[in-house]
Amino acid sequence: MSCVAQKIHYEGRVQGVGFRYSVRQIAKGFDVTGTVRNLPDDRVELCVSGEAAEVTDFLTAIRESALAGHIAREYAENLSPETRWKGFTILQP
């Protein structure tokens, strides 16, 4: 089992549309931990960790959800595989 951690920035109409709450709901269906928050530049930042296949499936579920219509671009970067969060939380800006 290989664990991974990623930070993803979403651009588009991703603030003011329930994006963070929808991501947290989707996360409940996967064995992942992380955070999601609005950024001052109108992007949303998602940090997620878990087993590689779970993280991949979780990110795919976001892309295939109703949120897809709000996402214009997404940028991902790998974080240290040891990066962990407790649960999945929405951070306030």
PDB file of N, CA and C in Angstrom:
ATOM      1  N   MET A   1       0.853  -1.181   0.000  1.00  0.00           N
ATOM      2  CA  MET A   1       0.000   0.000   0.000  1.00  0.00           C
ATOM      3  C   MET A   1       0.895   1.238   0.000  1.00  0.00           C
ATOM      4  N   SER A   2       0.724   2.095  -1.019  1.00  0.00           N
ATOM      5  CA  SER A   2       1.526   3.311  -1.076  1.00  0.00           C
ATOM      6  C   SER A   2       0.635   4.513  -0.795  1.00  0.00           C
ATOM      7  N   CYS A   3       1.070   5.309   0.153  1.00  0.00           N
ATOM      8  CA  CYS A   3       0.323   6.514   0.511  1.00  0.00           C
ATOM      9  C   CYS A   3       0.871   7.696  -0.265  1.00  0.00           C
ATOM     10  N   VAL A   4      -0.026   8.599  -0.604  1.00  0.00           N
ATOM     11  CA  VAL A   4       0.348   9.808  -1.323  1.00  0.00           C
ATOM     12  C   VAL A   4      -0.354  10.997  -0.672  1.00  0.00           C
ATOM     13  N   ALA A   5       0.174  12.175  -0.950  1.00  0.00           N
ATOM     14  CA  ALA A   5      -0.466  13.421  -0.523  1.00  0.00           C
ATOM     15  C   ALA A   5      -0.319  14.410  -1.672  1.00  0.00           C
ATOM     16  N   GLN A   6      -1.387  15.134  -1.933  1.00  0.00           N
ATOM     17  CA  GLN A   6      -1.365  16.108  -3.024  1.00  0.00           C
ATOM     18  C   GLN A   6      -2.044  17.400  -2.607  1.00  0.00           C
ATOM     19  N   LYS A   7      -1.613  18.471  -3.254  1.00  0.00           N
ATOM     20  CA  LYS A   7      -2.280  19.767  -3.133  1.00  0.00           C
ATOM     21  C   LYS A   7      -2.792  20.105  -4.526  1.00  0.00           C
ATOM     22  N   ILE A   8      -4.084  20.395  -4.622  1.00  0.00           N
ATOM     23  CA  ILE A   8      -4.702  20.723  -5.902  1.00  0.00           C
ATOM     24  C   ILE A   8      -5.323  22.107  -5.794  1.00  0.00           C
ATOM     25  N   HIS A   9      -5.047  22.939  -6.795  1.00  0.00           N
ATOM     26  CA  HIS A   9      -5.685  24.249  -6.880  1.00  0.00           C
ATOM     27  C   HIS A   9      -6.688  24.205  -8.027  1.00  0.00           C
ATOM     28  N   TYR A  10      -7.912  24.597  -7.719  1.00  0.00           N
ATOM     29  CA  TYR A  10      -8.972  24.645  -8.721  1.00  0.00           C
ATOM     30  C   TYR A  10      -9.246  26.098  -9.076  1.00  0.00           C
ATOM     31  N   GLU A  11      -9.349  26.368 -10.381  1.00  0.00           N
ATOM     32  CA  GLU A  11      -9.713  27.691 -10.875  1.00  0.00           C
ATOM     33  C   GLU A  11     -11.022  27.590 -11.636  1.00  0.00           C
ATOM     34  N   GLY A  12     -11.709  28.709 -11.725  1.00  0.00           N
ATOM     35  CA  GLY A  12     -12.991  28.763 -12.417  1.00  0.00           C
ATOM     36  C   GLY A  12     -13.989  29.446 -11.492  1.00  0.00           C
ATOM     37  N   ARG A  13     -15.250  29.075 -11.631  1.00  0.00           N
ATOM     38  CA  ARG A  13     -16.271  29.618 -10.726  1.00  0.00           C
ATOM     39  C   ARG A  13     -16.407  28.640  -9.559  1.00  0.00           C
ATOM     40  N   VAL A  14     -15.397  28.632  -8.693  1.00  0.00           N
ATOM     41  CA  VAL A  14     -15.319  27.633  -7.636  1.00  0.00           C
ATOM     42  C   VAL A  14     -15.593  28.190  -6.241  1.00  0.00           C
ATOM     43  N   GLN A  15     -15.833  29.491  -6.160  1.00  0.00           N
ATOM     44  CA  GLN A  15     -16.208  30.075  -4.868  1.00  0.00           C
ATOM     45  C   GLN A  15     -17.641  30.574  -4.950  1.00  0.00           C
ATOM     46  N   GLY A  16     -18.363  30.434  -3.848  1.00  0.00           N
ATOM     47  CA  GLY A  16     -19.742  30.905  -3.795  1.00  0.00           C
ATOM     48  C   GLY A  16     -20.740  29.945  -4.430  1.00  0.00           C
ATOM     49  N   VAL A  17     -20.307  28.706  -4.698  1.00  0.00           N
ATOM     50  CA  VAL A  17     -21.190  27.733  -5.332  1.00  0.00           C
ATOM     51  C   VAL A  17     -21.297  26.440  -4.516  1.00  0.00           C
ATOM     52  N   GLY A  18     -20.802  26.467  -3.276  1.00  0.00           N
ATOM     53  CA  GLY A  18     -20.851  25.269  -2.430  1.00  0.00           C
ATOM     54  C   GLY A  18     -19.760  24.262  -2.747  1.00  0.00           C
ATOM     55  N   PHE A  19     -18.708  24.715  -3.397  1.00  0.00           N
ATOM     56  CA  PHE A  19     -17.635  23.828  -3.831  1.00  0.00           C
ATOM     57  C   PHE A  19     -16.994  23.090  -2.647  1.00  0.00           C
ATOM     58  N   ARG A  20     -16.601  23.831  -1.613  1.00  0.00           N
ATOM     59  CA  ARG A  20     -15.924  23.209  -0.468  1.00  0.00           C
ATOM     60  C   ARG A  20     -16.817  22.186   0.224  1.00  0.00           C
ATOM     61  N   TYR A  21     -18.078  22.504   0.374  1.00  0.00           N
ATOM     62  CA  TYR A  21     -19.007  21.593   1.046  1.00  0.00           C
ATOM     63  C   TYR A  21     -19.247  20.343   0.210  1.00  0.00           C
ATOM     64  N   SER A  22     -19.322  20.523  -1.106  1.00  0.00           N
ATOM     65  CA  SER A  22     -19.500  19.368  -1.986  1.00  0.00           C
ATOM     66  C   SER A  22     -18.273  18.467  -1.963  1.00  0.00           C
ATOM     67  N   VAL A  23     -17.087  19.059  -1.943  1.00  0.00           N
ATOM     68  CA  VAL A  23     -15.859  18.265  -1.871  1.00  0.00           C
ATOM     69  C   VAL A  23     -15.829  17.474  -0.570  1.00  0.00           C
ATOM     70  N   ARG A  24     -16.225  18.111   0.527  1.00  0.00           N
ATOM     71  CA  ARG A  24     -16.235  17.398   1.811  1.00  0.00           C
ATOM     72  C   ARG A  24     -17.241  16.239   1.765  1.00  0.00           C
ATOM     73  N   GLN A  25     -18.383  16.427   1.137  1.00  0.00           N
ATOM     74  CA  GLN A  25     -19.377  15.351   1.012  1.00  0.00           C
ATOM     75  C   GLN A  25     -18.821  14.198   0.176  1.00  0.00           C
ATOM     76  N   ILE A  26     -18.164  14.522  -0.918  1.00  0.00           N
ATOM     77  CA  ILE A  26     -17.572  13.485  -1.764  1.00  0.00           C
ATOM     78  C   ILE A  26     -16.507  12.723  -0.973  1.00  0.00           C
ATOM     79  N   ALA A  27     -15.728  13.434  -0.175  1.00  0.00           N
ATOM     80  CA  ALA A  27     -14.653  12.803   0.607  1.00  0.00           C
ATOM     81  C   ALA A  27     -15.187  11.742   1.564  1.00  0.00           C
ATOM     82  N   LYS A  28     -16.430  11.902   2.013  1.00  0.00           N
ATOM     83  CA  LYS A  28     -17.008  10.929   2.951  1.00  0.00           C
ATOM     84  C   LYS A  28     -17.095   9.535   2.344  1.00  0.00           C
ATOM     85  N   GLY A  29     -17.096   9.448   1.024  1.00  0.00           N
ATOM     86  CA  GLY A  29     -17.186   8.161   0.364  1.00  0.00           C
ATOM     87  C   GLY A  29     -15.838   7.494   0.118  1.00  0.00           C
ATOM     88  N   PHE A  30     -14.760   8.127   0.591  1.00  0.00           N
ATOM     89  CA  PHE A  30     -13.419   7.617   0.337  1.00  0.00           C
ATOM     90  C   PHE A  30     -12.609   7.614   1.626  1.00  0.00           C
ATOM     91  N   ASP A  31     -11.606   6.779   1.652  1.00  0.00           N
ATOM     92  CA  ASP A  31     -10.721   6.694   2.810  1.00  0.00           C
ATOM     93  C   ASP A  31      -9.566   7.680   2.614  1.00  0.00           C
ATOM     94  N   VAL A  32      -9.904   8.973   2.696  1.00  0.00           N
ATOM     95  CA  VAL A  32      -8.913  10.036   2.529  1.00  0.00           C
ATOM     96  C   VAL A  32      -9.051  11.035   3.671  1.00  0.00           C
ATOM     97  N   THR A  33      -7.986  11.782   3.902  1.00  0.00           N
ATOM     98  CA  THR A  33      -8.026  12.882   4.860  1.00  0.00           C
ATOM     99  C   THR A  33      -7.538  14.130   4.141  1.00  0.00           C
ATOM    100  N   GLY A  34      -7.885  15.288   4.688  1.00  0.00           N
ATOM    101  CA  GLY A  34      -7.394  16.505   4.062  1.00  0.00           C
ATOM    102  C   GLY A  34      -8.155  17.735   4.478  1.00  0.00           C
ATOM    103  N   THR A  35      -7.913  18.785   3.694  1.00  0.00           N
ATOM    104  CA  THR A  35      -8.553  20.081   3.929  1.00  0.00           C
ATOM    105  C   THR A  35      -8.942  20.686   2.586  1.00  0.00           C
ATOM    106  N   VAL A  36      -9.909  21.583   2.649  1.00  0.00           N
ATOM    107  CA  VAL A  36     -10.299  22.349   1.466  1.00  0.00           C
ATOM    108  C   VAL A  36     -10.597  23.761   1.942  1.00  0.00           C
ATOM    109  N   ARG A  37     -10.143  24.753   1.160  1.00  0.00           N
ATOM    110  CA  ARG A  37     -10.368  26.150   1.566  1.00  0.00           C
ATOM    111  C   ARG A  37     -10.380  27.074   0.362  1.00  0.00           C
ATOM    112  N   ASN A  38     -11.070  28.194   0.527  1.00  0.00           N
ATOM    113  CA  ASN A  38     -11.054  29.256  -0.471  1.00  0.00           C
ATOM    114  C   ASN A  38      -9.763  30.049  -0.305  1.00  0.00           C
ATOM    115  N   LEU A  39      -9.211  30.506  -1.422  1.00  0.00           N
ATOM    116  CA  LEU A  39      -8.032  31.362  -1.398  1.00  0.00           C
ATOM    117  C   LEU A  39      -8.435  32.775  -1.794  1.00  0.00           C
ATOM    118  N   PRO A  40      -7.668  33.774  -1.370  1.00  0.00           N
ATOM    119  CA  PRO A  40      -8.021  35.169  -1.677  1.00  0.00           C
ATOM    120  C   PRO A  40      -8.057  35.478  -3.173  1.00  0.00           C
ATOM    121  N   ASP A  41      -7.382  34.678  -4.002  1.00  0.00           N
ATOM    122  CA  ASP A  41      -7.345  34.938  -5.445  1.00  0.00           C
ATOM    123  C   ASP A  41      -8.449  34.210  -6.208  1.00  0.00           C
ATOM    124  N   ASP A  42      -9.512  33.802  -5.496  1.00  0.00           N
ATOM    125  CA  ASP A  42     -10.698  33.164  -6.079  1.00  0.00           C
ATOM    126  C   ASP A  42     -10.499  31.703  -6.475  1.00  0.00           C
ATOM    127  N   ARG A  43      -9.382  31.107  -6.101  1.00  0.00           N
ATOM    128  CA  ARG A  43      -9.189  29.675  -6.323  1.00  0.00           C
ATOM    129  C   ARG A  43      -9.613  28.917  -5.071  1.00  0.00           C
ATOM    130  N   VAL A  44      -9.726  27.598  -5.211  1.00  0.00           N
ATOM    131  CA  VAL A  44      -9.954  26.713  -4.074  1.00  0.00           C
ATOM    132  C   VAL A  44      -8.749  25.783  -3.987  1.00  0.00           C
ATOM    133  N   GLU A  45      -8.258  25.607  -2.757  1.00  0.00           N
ATOM    134  CA  GLU A  45      -7.128  24.712  -2.517  1.00  0.00           C
ATOM    135  C   GLU A  45      -7.606  23.471  -1.793  1.00  0.00           C
ATOM    136  N   LEU A  46      -7.286  22.314  -2.367  1.00  0.00           N
ATOM    137  CA  LEU A  46      -7.609  21.022  -1.765  1.00  0.00           C
ATOM    138  C   LEU A  46      -6.307  20.316  -1.438  1.00  0.00           C
ATOM    139  N   CYS A  47      -6.157  19.891  -0.198  1.00  0.00           N
ATOM    140  CA  CYS A  47      -5.027  19.056   0.206  1.00  0.00           C
ATOM    141  C   CYS A  47      -5.614  17.719   0.618  1.00  0.00           C
ATOM    142  N   VAL A  48      -5.042  16.646   0.105  1.00  0.00           N
ATOM    143  CA  VAL A  48      -5.610  15.320   0.358  1.00  0.00           C
ATOM    144  C   VAL A  48      -4.495  14.301   0.508  1.00  0.00           C
ATOM    145  N   SER A  49      -4.718  13.330   1.390  1.00  0.00           N
ATOM    146  CA  SER A  49      -3.761  12.231   1.543  1.00  0.00           C
ATOM    147  C   SER A  49      -4.517  10.931   1.737  1.00  0.00           C
ATOM    148  N   GLY A  50      -3.842   9.854   1.406  1.00  0.00           N
ATOM    149  CA  GLY A  50      -4.414   8.531   1.564  1.00  0.00           C
ATOM    150  C   GLY A  50      -3.700   7.550   0.661  1.00  0.00           C
ATOM    151  N   GLU A  51      -4.222   6.347   0.603  1.00  0.00           N
ATOM    152  CA  GLU A  51      -3.664   5.340  -0.288  1.00  0.00           C
ATOM    153  C   GLU A  51      -3.829   5.844  -1.718  1.00  0.00           C
ATOM    154  N   ALA A  52      -2.831   5.592  -2.565  1.00  0.00           N
ATOM    155  CA  ALA A  52      -2.782   6.185  -3.904  1.00  0.00           C
ATOM    156  C   ALA A  52      -4.071   5.975  -4.702  1.00  0.00           C
ATOM    157  N   ALA A  53      -4.598   4.758  -4.701  1.00  0.00           N
ATOM    158  CA  ALA A  53      -5.812   4.475  -5.477  1.00  0.00           C
ATOM    159  C   ALA A  53      -7.012   5.243  -4.927  1.00  0.00           C
ATOM    160  N   GLU A  54      -7.109   5.382  -3.604  1.00  0.00           N
ATOM    161  CA  GLU A  54      -8.223   6.137  -3.000  1.00  0.00           C
ATOM    162  C   GLU A  54      -8.152   7.607  -3.388  1.00  0.00           C
ATOM    163  N   VAL A  55      -6.962   8.188  -3.343  1.00  0.00           N
ATOM    164  CA  VAL A  55      -6.800   9.596  -3.711  1.00  0.00           C
ATOM    165  C   VAL A  55      -7.163   9.788  -5.180  1.00  0.00           C
ATOM    166  N   THR A  56      -6.677   8.908  -6.034  1.00  0.00           N
ATOM    167  CA  THR A  56      -6.996   8.999  -7.462  1.00  0.00           C
ATOM    168  C   THR A  56      -8.501   8.902  -7.695  1.00  0.00           C
ATOM    169  N   ASP A  57      -9.143   7.940  -7.058  1.00  0.00           N
ATOM    170  CA  ASP A  57     -10.594   7.770  -7.222  1.00  0.00           C
ATOM    171  C   ASP A  57     -11.365   8.969  -6.678  1.00  0.00           C
ATOM    172  N   PHE A  58     -10.918   9.528  -5.564  1.00  0.00           N
ATOM    173  CA  PHE A  58     -11.546  10.707  -4.967  1.00  0.00           C
ATOM    174  C   PHE A  58     -11.456  11.893  -5.926  1.00  0.00           C
ATOM    175  N   LEU A  59     -10.277  12.138  -6.478  1.00  0.00           N
ATOM    176  CA  LEU A  59     -10.107  13.269  -7.397  1.00  0.00           C
ATOM    177  C   LEU A  59     -10.920  13.058  -8.672  1.00  0.00           C
ATOM    178  N   THR A  60     -11.018  11.826  -9.126  1.00  0.00           N
ATOM    179  CA  THR A  60     -11.852  11.516 -10.294  1.00  0.00           C
ATOM    180  C   THR A  60     -13.325  11.785  -9.974  1.00  0.00           C
ATOM    181  N   ALA A  61     -13.756  11.410  -8.774  1.00  0.00           N
ATOM    182  CA  ALA A  61     -15.151  11.646  -8.375  1.00  0.00           C
ATOM    183  C   ALA A  61     -15.473  13.140  -8.361  1.00  0.00           C
ATOM    184  N   ILE A  62     -14.522  13.965  -7.956  1.00  0.00           N
ATOM    185  CA  ILE A  62     -14.735  15.423  -7.996  1.00  0.00           C
ATOM    186  C   ILE A  62     -14.909  15.863  -9.444  1.00  0.00           C
ATOM    187  N   ARG A  63     -14.016  15.397 -10.322  1.00  0.00           N
ATOM    188  CA  ARG A  63     -14.082  15.780 -11.743  1.00  0.00           C
ATOM    189  C   ARG A  63     -15.368  15.314 -12.416  1.00  0.00           C
ATOM    190  N   GLU A  64     -15.933  14.221 -11.932  1.00  0.00           N
ATOM    191  CA  GLU A  64     -17.144  13.663 -12.549  1.00  0.00           C
ATOM    192  C   GLU A  64     -18.420  14.105 -11.856  1.00  0.00           C
ATOM    193  N   SER A  65     -18.307  14.928 -10.815  1.00  0.00           N
ATOM    194  CA  SER A  65     -19.478  15.394 -10.075  1.00  0.00           C
ATOM    195  C   SER A  65     -20.061  16.639 -10.745  1.00  0.00           C
ATOM    196  N   ALA A  66     -21.097  17.170 -10.129  1.00  0.00           N
ATOM    197  CA  ALA A  66     -21.702  18.413 -10.611  1.00  0.00           C
ATOM    198  C   ALA A  66     -20.721  19.581 -10.528  1.00  0.00           C
ATOM    199  N   LEU A  67     -19.649  19.435  -9.772  1.00  0.00           N
ATOM    200  CA  LEU A  67     -18.645  20.497  -9.652  1.00  0.00           C
ATOM    201  C   LEU A  67     -17.861  20.696 -10.948  1.00  0.00           C
ATOM    202  N   ALA A  68     -17.847  19.700 -11.800  1.00  0.00           N
ATOM    203  CA  ALA A  68     -17.048  19.758 -13.031  1.00  0.00           C
ATOM    204  C   ALA A  68     -17.353  21.009 -13.847  1.00  0.00           C
ATOM    205  N   GLY A  69     -18.597  21.419 -13.881  1.00  0.00           N
ATOM    206  CA  GLY A  69     -18.974  22.594 -14.649  1.00  0.00           C
ATOM    207  C   GLY A  69     -18.424  23.896 -14.103  1.00  0.00           C
ATOM    208  N   HIS A  70     -17.939  23.873 -12.874  1.00  0.00           N
ATOM    209  CA  HIS A  70     -17.375  25.078 -12.251  1.00  0.00           C
ATOM    210  C   HIS A  70     -15.860  25.139 -12.378  1.00  0.00           C
ATOM    211  N   ILE A  71     -15.233  24.029 -12.722  1.00  0.00           N
ATOM    212  CA  ILE A  71     -13.775  23.953 -12.777  1.00  0.00           C
ATOM    213  C   ILE A  71     -13.288  24.286 -14.177  1.00  0.00           C
ATOM    214  N   ALA A  72     -12.513  25.371 -14.276  1.00  0.00           N
ATOM    215  CA  ALA A  72     -11.916  25.735 -15.563  1.00  0.00           C
ATOM    216  C   ALA A  72     -10.540  25.083 -15.702  1.00  0.00           C
ATOM    217  N   ARG A  73      -9.781  25.065 -14.602  1.00  0.00           N
ATOM    218  CA  ARG A  73      -8.448  24.476 -14.602  1.00  0.00           C
ATOM    219  C   ARG A  73      -8.153  23.910 -13.227  1.00  0.00           C
ATOM    220  N   GLU A  74      -7.272  22.926 -13.204  1.00  0.00           N
ATOM    221  CA  GLU A  74      -6.785  22.419 -11.930  1.00  0.00           C
ATOM    222  C   GLU A  74      -5.297  22.134 -12.051  1.00  0.00           C
ATOM    223  N   TYR A  75      -4.595  22.432 -10.981  1.00  0.00           N
ATOM    224  CA  TYR A  75      -3.156  22.232 -10.919  1.00  0.00           C
ATOM    225  C   TYR A  75      -2.848  21.393  -9.692  1.00  0.00           C
ATOM    226  N   ALA A  76      -2.077  20.332  -9.867  1.00  0.00           N
ATOM    227  CA  ALA A  76      -1.757  19.436  -8.754  1.00  0.00           C
ATOM    228  C   ALA A  76      -0.260  19.426  -8.503  1.00  0.00           C
ATOM    229  N   GLU A  77       0.084  19.295  -7.232  1.00  0.00           N
ATOM    230  CA  GLU A  77       1.485  19.089  -6.873  1.00  0.00           C
ATOM    231  C   GLU A  77       1.536  18.039  -5.784  1.00  0.00           C
ATOM    232  N   ASN A  78       2.568  17.234  -5.843  1.00  0.00           N
ATOM    233  CA  ASN A  78       2.741  16.195  -4.843  1.00  0.00           C
ATOM    234  C   ASN A  78       3.334  16.786  -3.575  1.00  0.00           C
ATOM    235  N   LEU A  79       2.846  16.319  -2.459  1.00  0.00           N
ATOM    236  CA  LEU A  79       3.390  16.679  -1.156  1.00  0.00           C
ATOM    237  C   LEU A  79       4.118  15.458  -0.607  1.00  0.00           C
ATOM    238  N   SER A  80       4.808  15.630   0.475  1.00  0.00           N
ATOM    239  CA  SER A  80       5.490  14.503   1.102  1.00  0.00           C
ATOM    240  C   SER A  80       4.471  13.418   1.434  1.00  0.00           C
ATOM    241  N   PRO A  81       4.752  12.155   1.101  1.00  0.00           N
ATOM    242  CA  PRO A  81       3.808  11.071   1.393  1.00  0.00           C
ATOM    243  C   PRO A  81       3.490  10.935   2.884  1.00  0.00           C
ATOM    244  N   GLU A  82       4.342  11.496   3.739  1.00  0.00           N
ATOM    245  CA  GLU A  82       4.092  11.428   5.182  1.00  0.00           C
ATOM    246  C   GLU A  82       3.090  12.482   5.650  1.00  0.00           C
ATOM    247  N   THR A  83       2.704  13.415   4.756  1.00  0.00           N
ATOM    248  CA  THR A  83       1.761  14.465   5.119  1.00  0.00           C
ATOM    249  C   THR A  83       0.407  13.841   5.430  1.00  0.00           C
ATOM    250  N   ARG A  84      -0.138  14.184   6.592  1.00  0.00           N
ATOM    251  CA  ARG A  84      -1.431  13.630   7.008  1.00  0.00           C
ATOM    252  C   ARG A  84      -2.273  14.722   7.668  1.00  0.00           C
ATOM    253  N   TRP A  85      -3.561  14.535   7.574  1.00  0.00           N
ATOM    254  CA  TRP A  85      -4.507  15.384   8.270  1.00  0.00           C
ATOM    255  C   TRP A  85      -5.411  14.490   9.085  1.00  0.00           C
ATOM    256  N   LYS A  86      -6.080  15.072  10.039  1.00  0.00           N
ATOM    257  CA  LYS A  86      -7.042  14.308  10.827  1.00  0.00           C
ATOM    258  C   LYS A  86      -8.422  14.608  10.253  1.00  0.00           C
ATOM    259  N   GLY A  87      -9.062  13.600   9.697  1.00  0.00           N
ATOM    260  CA  GLY A  87     -10.377  13.787   9.112  1.00  0.00           C
ATOM    261  C   GLY A  87     -10.299  14.588   7.830  1.00  0.00           C
ATOM    262  N   PHE A  88     -11.430  15.160   7.431  1.00  0.00           N
ATOM    263  CA  PHE A  88     -11.492  16.001   6.249  1.00  0.00           C
ATOM    264  C   PHE A  88     -12.246  17.258   6.627  1.00  0.00           C
ATOM    265  N   THR A  89     -11.578  18.399   6.603  1.00  0.00           N
ATOM    266  CA  THR A  89     -12.175  19.621   7.119  1.00  0.00           C
ATOM    267  C   THR A  89     -12.144  20.767   6.103  1.00  0.00           C
ATOM    268  N   ILE A  90     -13.105  21.647   6.289  1.00  0.00           N
ATOM    269  CA  ILE A  90     -13.144  22.903   5.533  1.00  0.00           C
ATOM    270  C   ILE A  90     -12.448  23.940   6.391  1.00  0.00           C
ATOM    271  N   LEU A  91     -11.415  24.574   5.825  1.00  0.00           N
ATOM    272  CA  LEU A  91     -10.711  25.624   6.535  1.00  0.00           C
ATOM    273  C   LEU A  91     -11.318  26.961   6.166  1.00  0.00           C
ATOM    274  N   GLN A  92     -11.388  27.838   7.117  1.00  0.00           N
ATOM    275  CA  GLN A  92     -11.902  29.178   6.852  1.00  0.00           C
ATOM    276  C   GLN A  92     -10.763  30.029   6.299  1.00  0.00           C
ATOM    277  N   PRO A  93     -11.077  30.925   5.372  1.00  0.00           N
ATOM    278  CA  PRO A  93     -10.016  31.768   4.769  1.00  0.00           C
ATOM    279  C   PRO A  93      -9.340  32.653   5.808  1.00  0.00           C
TER     280      PRO A  93
END
